[in-house]
Amino acid sequence: MEGASYQRFPKVKIRELKDDYAKFELRETDASVANALRRVMIAEVPTIAIDLVEIEVNSSVLNDEFIAHRLGLIPLTSERAMSMRFSRDCDACDGDGQCEFCSVEFHLRAKCINDQTLDVTSKDLYSSDHTVVPVDFSDTGSGFDNPEDQRGITIVKLRKGQELRLRAIARKGIGKDHAKWSPAATVTFMYEPEIHINEEMMETLSLEEKTSVVDSSPTKVFGINPHTQQVEVVDPEAYTYDDEVLKKVEAMNKPGLVEIYAKEDSFIFTVESTGAVKASQLVLNAIEVLKQKLDAVRLSEDTVEADDQFGELGAHMRGG
């Protein structure tokens, strides 16, 4: 219908929030928006990662390319990535790394001088910008109890006499170009399930039959109340849409005993960050990137409408 508005106003409810983990509900929208948000978080939110490595000395057992690859996969704190320029768009430098707008320079110098094996880790990387450093996984709550596990991400191990010296340039990028720039370890969403139990029909079952219905679910979705002996929904979100309960009900010739629907406008998101940005900031940055993309689409539609209205004049005004 011409002039009809399909505008919706999504709502978000935070369930759990940590530095590297977030769980939230997204309601009153559809799967296209939910999936767009998921894909943007994985592949379109910019971060900073090492992109250029100049090896000065490498007498370790790993070749130069191997070390360069390992350096690129080390997550770097990327709070300022949104405000940085892409190196391909920067007009203030020639891409050599000496630029405050698009690059951060790192140095690493390590040499083993005794018989003890030397672990070269991400903590041996020295940054020219204190806001862009390798992610520190030894913070409280990270799960590291042994001090040996708090030494950073291992890059290479050196024996006596071996040495590694290098210069590295970190740049802004997105996961769509290379996985090293992806800020998300994993992003998933599921439809929120709506489970209905026919209480009258359930009362006709024996305790053994009720137990078989509860046990038919691979996950702990249902349980039996010890006082009323009634089947109850314990954790609806544990349901994995495996249909095992529905198959069991059909086999018992009790159709309608349990009905399960997916709420098509309600989604439960789980977000895990690599540590480059906090999980909460990852979601906010993804929304900002998605808004920019939608603005670009709207601008494109306006341009097409101008061409239709003004013909060659509209195309000439755009330089076409």
C-alpha atoms as a PDB file:
ATOM      1  CA  MET A   1       0.000   0.000   0.000  1.00  0.00           C
ATOM      2  CA  GLU A   2       1.471   3.355  -1.044  1.00  0.00           C
ATOM      3  CA  GLY A   3       2.377   5.552   1.886  1.00  0.00           C
ATOM      4  CA  ALA A   4       2.198   2.715   4.405  1.00  0.00           C
ATOM      5  CA  SER A   5       4.883   2.742   7.102  1.00  0.00           C
ATOM      6  CA  TYR A   6       6.663  -0.455   8.113  1.00  0.00           C
ATOM      7  CA  GLN A   7       8.792   1.269  10.730  1.00  0.00           C
ATOM      8  CA  ARG A   8       9.378  -0.726  13.898  1.00  0.00           C
ATOM      9  CA  PHE A   9      11.045   0.191  17.155  1.00  0.00           C
ATOM     10  CA  PRO A  10      13.265  -2.682  18.355  1.00  0.00           C
ATOM     11  CA  LYS A  11      13.889  -3.078  22.069  1.00  0.00           C
ATOM     12  CA  VAL A  12      16.986  -4.468  23.763  1.00  0.00           C
ATOM     13  CA  LYS A  13      17.169  -6.044  27.201  1.00  0.00           C
ATOM     14  CA  ILE A  14      20.572  -6.891  28.674  1.00  0.00           C
ATOM     15  CA  ARG A  15      20.694 -10.226  30.478  1.00  0.00           C
ATOM     16  CA  GLU A  16      24.393 -10.665  31.197  1.00  0.00           C
ATOM     17  CA  LEU A  17      27.332  -8.379  30.579  1.00  0.00           C
ATOM     18  CA  LYS A  18      31.080  -8.877  31.036  1.00  0.00           C
ATOM     19  CA  ASP A  19      34.093  -7.337  29.339  1.00  0.00           C
ATOM     20  CA  ASP A  20      34.335 -10.188  26.829  1.00  0.00           C
ATOM     21  CA  TYR A  21      30.780 -11.585  26.935  1.00  0.00           C
ATOM     22  CA  ALA A  22      27.269 -10.247  26.456  1.00  0.00           C
ATOM     23  CA  LYS A  23      23.847 -11.851  26.366  1.00  0.00           C
ATOM     24  CA  PHE A  24      20.819  -9.781  25.452  1.00  0.00           C
ATOM     25  CA  GLU A  25      17.309  -9.931  24.029  1.00  0.00           C
ATOM     26  CA  LEU A  26      16.351  -8.182  20.802  1.00  0.00           C
ATOM     27  CA  ARG A  27      12.588  -7.790  20.485  1.00  0.00           C
ATOM     28  CA  GLU A  28       9.992  -6.297  18.130  1.00  0.00           C
ATOM     29  CA  THR A  29      12.009  -6.732  14.957  1.00  0.00           C
ATOM     30  CA  ASP A  30      12.489  -9.483  12.376  1.00  0.00           C
ATOM     31  CA  ALA A  31      15.172 -11.979  11.393  1.00  0.00           C
ATOM     32  CA  SER A  32      16.627  -9.738   8.672  1.00  0.00           C
ATOM     33  CA  VAL A  33      17.623  -7.081  11.196  1.00  0.00           C
ATOM     34  CA  ALA A  34      18.891  -9.656  13.705  1.00  0.00           C
ATOM     35  CA  ASN A  35      21.052 -11.385  11.094  1.00  0.00           C
ATOM     36  CA  ALA A  36      22.318  -8.065   9.728  1.00  0.00           C
ATOM     37  CA  LEU A  37      23.434  -7.101  13.226  1.00  0.00           C
ATOM     38  CA  ARG A  38      25.145 -10.459  13.695  1.00  0.00           C
ATOM     39  CA  ARG A  39      27.005 -10.255  10.372  1.00  0.00           C
ATOM     40  CA  VAL A  40      28.108  -6.667  11.022  1.00  0.00           C
ATOM     41  CA  MET A  41      29.513  -7.622  14.444  1.00  0.00           C
ATOM     42  CA  ILE A  42      31.534 -10.442  12.867  1.00  0.00           C
ATOM     43  CA  ALA A  43      32.780  -8.832   9.673  1.00  0.00           C
ATOM     44  CA  GLU A  44      32.182  -5.065   9.552  1.00  0.00           C
ATOM     45  CA  VAL A  45      33.182  -3.566  12.922  1.00  0.00           C
ATOM     46  CA  PRO A  46      36.737  -2.191  12.522  1.00  0.00           C
ATOM     47  CA  THR A  47      39.618  -3.113  14.798  1.00  0.00           C
ATOM     48  CA  ILE A  48      43.386  -2.685  14.715  1.00  0.00           C
ATOM     49  CA  ALA A  49      45.740  -5.549  13.846  1.00  0.00           C
ATOM     50  CA  ILE A  50      49.344  -5.927  12.716  1.00  0.00           C
ATOM     51  CA  ASP A  51      49.397  -5.801   8.923  1.00  0.00           C
ATOM     52  CA  LEU A  52      53.035  -5.157   7.978  1.00  0.00           C
ATOM     53  CA  VAL A  53      56.093  -6.833   9.509  1.00  0.00           C
ATOM     54  CA  GLU A  54      59.734  -5.970   8.747  1.00  0.00           C
ATOM     55  CA  ILE A  55      62.071  -8.655  10.086  1.00  0.00           C
ATOM     56  CA  GLU A  56      65.559  -7.379  10.983  1.00  0.00           C
ATOM     57  CA  VAL A  57      66.967 -10.549  12.565  1.00  0.00           C
ATOM     58  CA  ASN A  58      65.338 -13.963  12.853  1.00  0.00           C
ATOM     59  CA  SER A  59      67.426 -16.947  13.881  1.00  0.00           C
ATOM     60  CA  SER A  60      64.521 -18.851  15.465  1.00  0.00           C
ATOM     61  CA  VAL A  61      63.155 -22.150  14.154  1.00  0.00           C
ATOM     62  CA  LEU A  62      60.123 -20.369  12.628  1.00  0.00           C
ATOM     63  CA  ASN A  63      60.415 -18.649   9.264  1.00  0.00           C
ATOM     64  CA  ASP A  64      59.583 -14.975   8.737  1.00  0.00           C
ATOM     65  CA  GLU A  65      56.142 -15.573   7.205  1.00  0.00           C
ATOM     66  CA  PHE A  66      55.101 -17.836  10.085  1.00  0.00           C
ATOM     67  CA  ILE A  67      56.024 -15.205  12.671  1.00  0.00           C
ATOM     68  CA  ALA A  68      54.313 -12.445  10.677  1.00  0.00           C
ATOM     69  CA  HIS A  69      51.125 -14.524  10.548  1.00  0.00           C
ATOM     70  CA  ARG A  70      51.213 -15.145  14.308  1.00  0.00           C
ATOM     71  CA  LEU A  71      51.742 -11.445  14.989  1.00  0.00           C
ATOM     72  CA  GLY A  72      48.728 -10.530  12.865  1.00  0.00           C
ATOM     73  CA  LEU A  73      46.441 -12.774  14.910  1.00  0.00           C
ATOM     74  CA  ILE A  74      47.341 -11.159  18.250  1.00  0.00           C
ATOM     75  CA  PRO A  75      44.314  -9.069  19.326  1.00  0.00           C
ATOM     76  CA  LEU A  76      45.121  -5.407  19.993  1.00  0.00           C
ATOM     77  CA  THR A  77      43.080  -3.005  22.073  1.00  0.00           C
ATOM     78  CA  SER A  78      40.996  -1.134  19.512  1.00  0.00           C
ATOM     79  CA  GLU A  79      38.870   1.420  21.350  1.00  0.00           C
ATOM     80  CA  ARG A  80      40.018   4.166  18.967  1.00  0.00           C
ATOM     81  CA  ALA A  81      39.590   2.102  15.792  1.00  0.00           C
ATOM     82  CA  MET A  82      36.268   3.759  14.889  1.00  0.00           C
ATOM     83  CA  SER A  83      37.940   7.186  14.782  1.00  0.00           C
ATOM     84  CA  MET A  84      41.052   6.057  12.881  1.00  0.00           C
ATOM     85  CA  ARG A  85      41.396   6.226   9.114  1.00  0.00           C
ATOM     86  CA  PHE A  86      41.821   3.259   6.819  1.00  0.00           C
ATOM     87  CA  SER A  87      45.375   3.351   5.470  1.00  0.00           C
ATOM     88  CA  ARG A  88      44.045   3.238   1.899  1.00  0.00           C
ATOM     89  CA  ASP A  89      42.032   6.431   2.563  1.00  0.00           C
ATOM     90  CA  CYS A  90      44.690   8.317   4.527  1.00  0.00           C
ATOM     91  CA  ASP A  91      46.081  11.380   2.753  1.00  0.00           C
ATOM     92  CA  ALA A  92      48.526  12.243   5.531  1.00  0.00           C
ATOM     93  CA  CYS A  93      51.089   9.501   4.857  1.00  0.00           C
ATOM     94  CA  ASP A  94      52.505   7.166   2.236  1.00  0.00           C
ATOM     95  CA  GLY A  95      51.662   3.964   4.114  1.00  0.00           C
ATOM     96  CA  ASP A  96      55.059   3.486   5.767  1.00  0.00           C
ATOM     97  CA  GLY A  97      53.548   3.415   9.252  1.00  0.00           C
ATOM     98  CA  GLN A  98      54.754   6.835  10.417  1.00  0.00           C
ATOM     99  CA  CYS A  99      51.247   8.232  10.716  1.00  0.00           C
ATOM    100  CA  GLU A 100      49.195   9.030  13.815  1.00  0.00           C
ATOM    101  CA  PHE A 101      45.923   8.903  11.852  1.00  0.00           C
ATOM    102  CA  CYS A 102      46.051   5.402  10.343  1.00  0.00           C
ATOM    103  CA  SER A 103      48.955   3.407  11.837  1.00  0.00           C
ATOM    104  CA  VAL A 104      50.552   2.251  15.068  1.00  0.00           C
ATOM    105  CA  GLU A 105      54.157   1.105  15.166  1.00  0.00           C
ATOM    106  CA  PHE A 106      55.433  -1.841  17.235  1.00  0.00           C
ATOM    107  CA  HIS A 107      58.950  -3.049  17.983  1.00  0.00           C
ATOM    108  CA  LEU A 108      60.156  -6.395  19.299  1.00  0.00           C
ATOM    109  CA  ARG A 109      63.699  -7.256  20.381  1.00  0.00           C
ATOM    110  CA  ALA A 110      64.427 -10.569  22.090  1.00  0.00           C
ATOM    111  CA  LYS A 111      67.549 -12.707  22.452  1.00  0.00           C
ATOM    112  CA  CYS A 112      68.144 -15.861  24.485  1.00  0.00           C
ATOM    113  CA  ILE A 113      71.454 -15.628  26.346  1.00  0.00           C
ATOM    114  CA  ASN A 114      71.275 -18.671  28.636  1.00  0.00           C
ATOM    115  CA  ASP A 115      70.389 -22.355  28.531  1.00  0.00           C
ATOM    116  CA  GLN A 116      66.787 -21.728  29.598  1.00  0.00           C
ATOM    117  CA  THR A 117      64.273 -21.599  26.737  1.00  0.00           C
ATOM    118  CA  LEU A 118      63.026 -18.024  26.255  1.00  0.00           C
ATOM    119  CA  ASP A 119      59.327 -17.548  25.483  1.00  0.00           C
ATOM    120  CA  VAL A 120      58.765 -14.488  23.282  1.00  0.00           C
ATOM    121  CA  THR A 121      55.186 -13.342  23.892  1.00  0.00           C
ATOM    122  CA  SER A 122      52.820 -10.506  23.046  1.00  0.00           C
ATOM    123  CA  LYS A 123      54.061  -8.677  26.152  1.00  0.00           C
ATOM    124  CA  ASP A 124      57.418  -8.246  24.414  1.00  0.00           C
ATOM    125  CA  LEU A 125      55.784  -6.032  21.776  1.00  0.00           C
ATOM    126  CA  TYR A 126      56.367  -2.335  22.474  1.00  0.00           C
ATOM    127  CA  SER A 127      53.806   0.071  21.013  1.00  0.00           C
ATOM    128  CA  SER A 128      54.235   3.684  19.919  1.00  0.00           C
ATOM    129  CA  ASP A 129      50.667   4.363  21.134  1.00  0.00           C
ATOM    130  CA  HIS A 130      49.756   3.447  24.703  1.00  0.00           C
ATOM    131  CA  THR A 131      46.077   3.085  23.715  1.00  0.00           C
ATOM    132  CA  VAL A 132      46.865   0.317  21.200  1.00  0.00           C
ATOM    133  CA  VAL A 133      48.606  -2.598  22.908  1.00  0.00           C
ATOM    134  CA  PRO A 134      48.266  -6.395  22.882  1.00  0.00           C
ATOM    135  CA  VAL A 135      45.211  -7.527  24.861  1.00  0.00           C
ATOM    136  CA  ASP A 136      46.143  -8.486  28.422  1.00  0.00           C
ATOM    137  CA  PHE A 137      44.410 -11.734  29.325  1.00  0.00           C
ATOM    138  CA  SER A 138      45.840 -11.766  32.843  1.00  0.00           C
ATOM    139  CA  ASP A 139      43.254  -9.311  34.185  1.00  0.00           C
ATOM    140  CA  THR A 140      41.135 -10.404  37.114  1.00  0.00           C
ATOM    141  CA  GLY A 141      38.348 -12.689  36.088  1.00  0.00           C
ATOM    142  CA  SER A 142      40.194 -14.085  33.083  1.00  0.00           C
ATOM    143  CA  GLY A 143      40.591 -17.491  34.702  1.00  0.00           C
ATOM    144  CA  PHE A 144      44.393 -17.489  34.924  1.00  0.00           C
ATOM    145  CA  ASP A 145      45.540 -18.719  38.337  1.00  0.00           C
ATOM    146  CA  ASN A 146      49.090 -19.737  37.424  1.00  0.00           C
ATOM    147  CA  PRO A 147      51.507 -16.788  36.980  1.00  0.00           C
ATOM    148  CA  GLU A 148      53.124 -18.725  34.125  1.00  0.00           C
ATOM    149  CA  ASP A 149      49.857 -18.354  32.197  1.00  0.00           C
ATOM    150  CA  GLN A 150      49.913 -14.555  32.533  1.00  0.00           C
ATOM    151  CA  ARG A 151      52.850 -13.918  30.243  1.00  0.00           C
ATOM    152  CA  GLY A 152      50.867 -13.151  27.110  1.00  0.00           C
ATOM    153  CA  ILE A 153      50.361 -14.957  23.814  1.00  0.00           C
ATOM    154  CA  THR A 154      53.403 -16.976  22.759  1.00  0.00           C
ATOM    155  CA  ILE A 155      54.914 -15.844  19.450  1.00  0.00           C
ATOM    156  CA  VAL A 156      58.018 -18.032  19.304  1.00  0.00           C
ATOM    157  CA  LYS A 157      60.444 -19.863  21.611  1.00  0.00           C
ATOM    158  CA  LEU A 158      64.167 -19.155  21.477  1.00  0.00           C
ATOM    159  CA  ARG A 159      67.122 -21.279  22.525  1.00  0.00           C
ATOM    160  CA  LYS A 160      70.539 -20.006  23.537  1.00  0.00           C
ATOM    161  CA  GLY A 161      72.047 -17.758  20.881  1.00  0.00           C
ATOM    162  CA  GLN A 162      68.803 -17.308  18.908  1.00  0.00           C
ATOM    163  CA  GLU A 163      67.473 -13.804  18.358  1.00  0.00           C
ATOM    164  CA  LEU A 164      64.405 -12.031  16.988  1.00  0.00           C
ATOM    165  CA  ARG A 165      64.228  -8.355  16.060  1.00  0.00           C
ATOM    166  CA  LEU A 166      61.415  -6.815  14.069  1.00  0.00           C
ATOM    167  CA  ARG A 167      59.295  -3.762  13.362  1.00  0.00           C
ATOM    168  CA  ALA A 168      55.554  -4.097  12.830  1.00  0.00           C
ATOM    169  CA  ILE A 169      52.845  -1.729  11.627  1.00  0.00           C
ATOM    170  CA  ALA A 170      49.257  -2.133  12.845  1.00  0.00           C
ATOM    171  CA  ARG A 171      46.409  -0.757  10.776  1.00  0.00           C
ATOM    172  CA  LYS A 172      42.661  -0.425  10.895  1.00  0.00           C
ATOM    173  CA  GLY A 173      40.646  -3.084   9.069  1.00  0.00           C
ATOM    174  CA  ILE A 174      37.495  -5.198   9.116  1.00  0.00           C
ATOM    175  CA  GLY A 175      36.894  -8.922   9.383  1.00  0.00           C
ATOM    176  CA  LYS A 176      35.534  -9.059   5.839  1.00  0.00           C
ATOM    177  CA  ASP A 177      39.056  -8.326   4.585  1.00  0.00           C
ATOM    178  CA  HIS A 178      40.849 -10.711   6.972  1.00  0.00           C
ATOM    179  CA  ALA A 179      39.805 -12.688  10.055  1.00  0.00           C
ATOM    180  CA  LYS A 180      42.554 -11.031  12.140  1.00  0.00           C
ATOM    181  CA  TRP A 181      40.460  -7.854  12.158  1.00  0.00           C
ATOM    182  CA  SER A 182      37.296  -9.546  13.406  1.00  0.00           C
ATOM    183  CA  PRO A 183      36.492  -8.346  16.957  1.00  0.00           C
ATOM    184  CA  ALA A 184      34.122 -11.258  17.635  1.00  0.00           C
ATOM    185  CA  ALA A 185      35.113 -14.724  18.745  1.00  0.00           C
ATOM    186  CA  THR A 186      31.518 -15.825  18.174  1.00  0.00           C
ATOM    187  CA  VAL A 187      28.136 -14.188  17.697  1.00  0.00           C
ATOM    188  CA  THR A 188      24.968 -16.276  17.708  1.00  0.00           C
ATOM    189  CA  PHE A 189      21.260 -15.668  18.036  1.00  0.00           C
ATOM    190  CA  MET A 190      18.260 -17.921  18.429  1.00  0.00           C
ATOM    191  CA  TYR A 191      14.523 -17.442  18.208  1.00  0.00           C
ATOM    192  CA  GLU A 192      13.025 -17.246  21.668  1.00  0.00           C
ATOM    193  CA  PRO A 193      10.898 -20.409  22.080  1.00  0.00           C
ATOM    194  CA  GLU A 194       7.327 -20.312  23.364  1.00  0.00           C
ATOM    195  CA  ILE A 195       6.322 -23.618  24.984  1.00  0.00           C
ATOM    196  CA  HIS A 196       2.756 -24.583  25.922  1.00  0.00           C
ATOM    197  CA  ILE A 197       1.755 -27.663  27.922  1.00  0.00           C
ATOM    198  CA  ASN A 198      -1.826 -28.950  27.802  1.00  0.00           C
ATOM    199  CA  GLU A 199      -2.418 -29.358  31.544  1.00  0.00           C
ATOM    200  CA  GLU A 200      -5.698 -31.295  31.190  1.00  0.00           C
ATOM    201  CA  MET A 201      -4.147 -33.821  28.822  1.00  0.00           C
ATOM    202  CA  MET A 202      -1.029 -34.056  30.977  1.00  0.00           C
ATOM    203  CA  GLU A 203      -3.128 -35.082  34.009  1.00  0.00           C
ATOM    204  CA  THR A 204      -4.260 -38.210  32.149  1.00  0.00           C
ATOM    205  CA  LEU A 205      -0.669 -39.506  31.999  1.00  0.00           C
ATOM    206  CA  SER A 206       0.962 -41.707  34.586  1.00  0.00           C
ATOM    207  CA  LEU A 207       4.122 -40.572  36.389  1.00  0.00           C
ATOM    208  CA  GLU A 208       6.167 -42.943  34.253  1.00  0.00           C
ATOM    209  CA  GLU A 209       4.770 -41.448  31.044  1.00  0.00           C
ATOM    210  CA  LYS A 210       5.426 -37.926  32.317  1.00  0.00           C
ATOM    211  CA  THR A 211       8.992 -38.910  33.108  1.00  0.00           C
ATOM    212  CA  SER A 212       9.453 -40.307  29.597  1.00  0.00           C
ATOM    213  CA  VAL A 213       8.232 -37.015  28.113  1.00  0.00           C
ATOM    214  CA  VAL A 214      10.657 -35.030  30.274  1.00  0.00           C
ATOM    215  CA  ASP A 215      13.580 -37.346  29.473  1.00  0.00           C
ATOM    216  CA  SER A 216      12.905 -37.257  25.725  1.00  0.00           C
ATOM    217  CA  SER A 217      14.416 -33.764  25.544  1.00  0.00           C
ATOM    218  CA  PRO A 218      18.218 -33.873  25.088  1.00  0.00           C
ATOM    219  CA  THR A 219      18.494 -30.664  27.132  1.00  0.00           C
ATOM    220  CA  LYS A 220      16.960 -29.778  30.475  1.00  0.00           C
ATOM    221  CA  VAL A 221      13.853 -27.998  29.188  1.00  0.00           C
ATOM    222  CA  PHE A 222      11.211 -29.763  31.274  1.00  0.00           C
ATOM    223  CA  GLY A 223      11.039 -31.018  34.826  1.00  0.00           C
ATOM    224  CA  ILE A 224       8.558 -32.654  37.206  1.00  0.00           C
ATOM    225  CA  ASN A 225       7.383 -30.655  40.199  1.00  0.00           C
ATOM    226  CA  PRO A 226       8.105 -32.840  43.267  1.00  0.00           C
ATOM    227  CA  HIS A 227       5.007 -31.544  45.080  1.00  0.00           C
ATOM    228  CA  THR A 228       2.333 -31.523  42.360  1.00  0.00           C
ATOM    229  CA  GLN A 229       3.874 -34.223  40.108  1.00  0.00           C
ATOM    230  CA  GLN A 230       3.115 -31.962  37.147  1.00  0.00           C
ATOM    231  CA  VAL A 231       5.401 -31.417  34.151  1.00  0.00           C
ATOM    232  CA  GLU A 232       6.752 -27.858  34.102  1.00  0.00           C
ATOM    233  CA  VAL A 233       8.915 -25.810  31.765  1.00  0.00           C
ATOM    234  CA  VAL A 234      12.199 -25.384  33.639  1.00  0.00           C
ATOM    235  CA  ASP A 235      14.346 -23.590  31.056  1.00  0.00           C
ATOM    236  CA  PRO A 236      12.672 -22.742  27.734  1.00  0.00           C
ATOM    237  CA  GLU A 237      15.902 -21.306  26.300  1.00  0.00           C
ATOM    238  CA  ALA A 238      17.605 -24.677  26.660  1.00  0.00           C
ATOM    239  CA  TYR A 239      15.389 -25.928  23.831  1.00  0.00           C
ATOM    240  CA  THR A 240      17.431 -26.433  20.665  1.00  0.00           C
ATOM    241  CA  TYR A 241      14.551 -26.959  18.207  1.00  0.00           C
ATOM    242  CA  ASP A 242      15.398 -30.650  17.966  1.00  0.00           C
ATOM    243  CA  ASP A 243      11.688 -31.697  17.984  1.00  0.00           C
ATOM    244  CA  GLU A 244      12.472 -34.751  20.124  1.00  0.00           C
ATOM    245  CA  VAL A 245       9.702 -33.916  22.606  1.00  0.00           C
ATOM    246  CA  LEU A 246       7.184 -33.450  19.808  1.00  0.00           C
ATOM    247  CA  LYS A 247       8.201 -36.799  18.288  1.00  0.00           C
ATOM    248  CA  LYS A 248       7.758 -38.471  21.676  1.00  0.00           C
ATOM    249  CA  VAL A 249       4.306 -36.942  22.089  1.00  0.00           C
ATOM    250  CA  GLU A 250       3.296 -38.153  18.629  1.00  0.00           C
ATOM    251  CA  ALA A 251       4.592 -41.648  19.419  1.00  0.00           C
ATOM    252  CA  MET A 252       2.423 -41.661  22.561  1.00  0.00           C
ATOM    253  CA  ASN A 253      -0.565 -40.734  20.388  1.00  0.00           C
ATOM    254  CA  LYS A 254      -1.044 -37.505  22.366  1.00  0.00           C
ATOM    255  CA  PRO A 255      -0.937 -34.748  19.737  1.00  0.00           C
ATOM    256  CA  GLY A 256      -1.240 -31.295  21.286  1.00  0.00           C
ATOM    257  CA  LEU A 257       0.184 -32.386  24.647  1.00  0.00           C
ATOM    258  CA  VAL A 258       3.174 -30.094  24.105  1.00  0.00           C
ATOM    259  CA  GLU A 259       3.274 -27.262  21.564  1.00  0.00           C
ATOM    260  CA  ILE A 260       6.410 -25.301  20.786  1.00  0.00           C
ATOM    261  CA  TYR A 261       6.567 -22.148  18.674  1.00  0.00           C
ATOM    262  CA  ALA A 262       9.388 -19.774  17.763  1.00  0.00           C
ATOM    263  CA  LYS A 263       8.654 -16.113  18.449  1.00  0.00           C
ATOM    264  CA  GLU A 264       9.456 -14.586  15.097  1.00  0.00           C
ATOM    265  CA  ASP A 265      10.075 -11.111  16.530  1.00  0.00           C
ATOM    266  CA  SER A 266      12.155 -12.038  19.562  1.00  0.00           C
ATOM    267  CA  PHE A 267      15.810 -13.128  19.530  1.00  0.00           C
ATOM    268  CA  ILE A 268      18.388 -14.036  22.151  1.00  0.00           C
ATOM    269  CA  PHE A 269      21.934 -12.949  21.251  1.00  0.00           C
ATOM    270  CA  THR A 270      25.181 -14.313  22.647  1.00  0.00           C
ATOM    271  CA  VAL A 271      28.304 -12.267  21.898  1.00  0.00           C
ATOM    272  CA  GLU A 272      31.893 -13.198  22.757  1.00  0.00           C
ATOM    273  CA  SER A 273      34.649 -10.703  22.047  1.00  0.00           C
ATOM    274  CA  THR A 274      38.301 -11.431  21.236  1.00  0.00           C
ATOM    275  CA  GLY A 275      39.232  -8.693  23.706  1.00  0.00           C
ATOM    276  CA  ALA A 276      40.019  -6.082  21.059  1.00  0.00           C
ATOM    277  CA  VAL A 277      36.915  -4.194  22.177  1.00  0.00           C
ATOM    278  CA  LYS A 278      34.552  -4.882  25.045  1.00  0.00           C
ATOM    279  CA  ALA A 279      31.463  -6.911  24.177  1.00  0.00           C
ATOM    280  CA  SER A 280      29.165  -3.993  24.997  1.00  0.00           C
ATOM    281  CA  GLN A 281      31.191  -1.649  22.771  1.00  0.00           C
ATOM    282  CA  LEU A 282      31.182  -4.255  20.011  1.00  0.00           C
ATOM    283  CA  VAL A 283      27.377  -4.211  19.940  1.00  0.00           C
ATOM    284  CA  LEU A 284      27.242  -0.394  19.974  1.00  0.00           C
ATOM    285  CA  ASN A 285      29.846  -0.127  17.195  1.00  0.00           C
ATOM    286  CA  ALA A 286      27.923  -2.680  15.123  1.00  0.00           C
ATOM    287  CA  ILE A 287      24.735  -0.622  15.455  1.00  0.00           C
ATOM    288  CA  GLU A 288      26.640   2.488  14.376  1.00  0.00           C
ATOM    289  CA  VAL A 289      28.109   0.712  11.320  1.00  0.00           C
ATOM    290  CA  LEU A 290      24.672  -0.667  10.422  1.00  0.00           C
ATOM    291  CA  LYS A 291      23.186   2.834  10.637  1.00  0.00           C
ATOM    292  CA  GLN A 292      25.892   4.130   8.298  1.00  0.00           C
ATOM    293  CA  LYS A 293      25.095   1.387   5.792  1.00  0.00           C
ATOM    294  CA  LEU A 294      21.374   2.144   5.934  1.00  0.00           C
ATOM    295  CA  ASP A 295      22.092   5.860   5.443  1.00  0.00           C
ATOM    296  CA  ALA A 296      24.126   4.954   2.344  1.00  0.00           C
ATOM    297  CA  VAL A 297      21.221   2.905   0.979  1.00  0.00           C
ATOM    298  CA  ARG A 298      18.790   5.738   1.646  1.00  0.00           C
ATOM    299  CA  LEU A 299      21.119   8.212  -0.060  1.00  0.00           C
ATOM    300  CA  SER A 300      21.383   5.872  -3.032  1.00  0.00           C
ATOM    301  CA  GLU A 301      17.593   5.658  -3.289  1.00  0.00           C
ATOM    302  CA  ASP A 302      17.333   9.450  -3.129  1.00  0.00           C
ATOM    303  CA  THR A 303      19.888   9.684  -5.952  1.00  0.00           C
ATOM    304  CA  VAL A 304      17.901   7.257  -8.117  1.00  0.00           C
ATOM    305  CA  GLU A 305      14.735   9.251  -7.474  1.00  0.00           C
ATOM    306  CA  ALA A 306      16.584  12.449  -8.475  1.00  0.00           C
ATOM    307  CA  ASP A 307      17.725  10.811 -11.716  1.00  0.00           C
ATOM    308  CA  ASP A 308      14.163   9.737 -12.466  1.00  0.00           C
ATOM    309  CA  GLN A 309      12.898  13.245 -11.780  1.00  0.00           C
ATOM    310  CA  PHE A 310      15.598  15.331 -13.456  1.00  0.00           C
ATOM    311  CA  GLY A 311      16.975  12.844 -15.981  1.00  0.00           C
ATOM    312  CA  GLU A 312      20.371  13.750 -17.431  1.00  0.00           C
ATOM    313  CA  LEU A 313      20.600  16.859 -15.260  1.00  0.00           C
ATOM    314  CA  GLY A 314      20.572  14.765 -12.059  1.00  0.00           C
ATOM    315  CA  ALA A 315      23.286  12.460 -13.396  1.00  0.00           C
ATOM    316  CA  HIS A 316      25.379  15.464 -14.502  1.00  0.00           C
ATOM    317  CA  MET A 317      25.142  17.006 -10.996  1.00  0.00           C
ATOM    318  CA  ARG A 318      26.624  13.781  -9.570  1.00  0.00           C
ATOM    319  CA  GLY A 319      29.434  13.882 -12.117  1.00  0.00           C
ATOM    320  CA  GLY A 320      27.959  11.105 -14.275  1.00  0.00           C
END
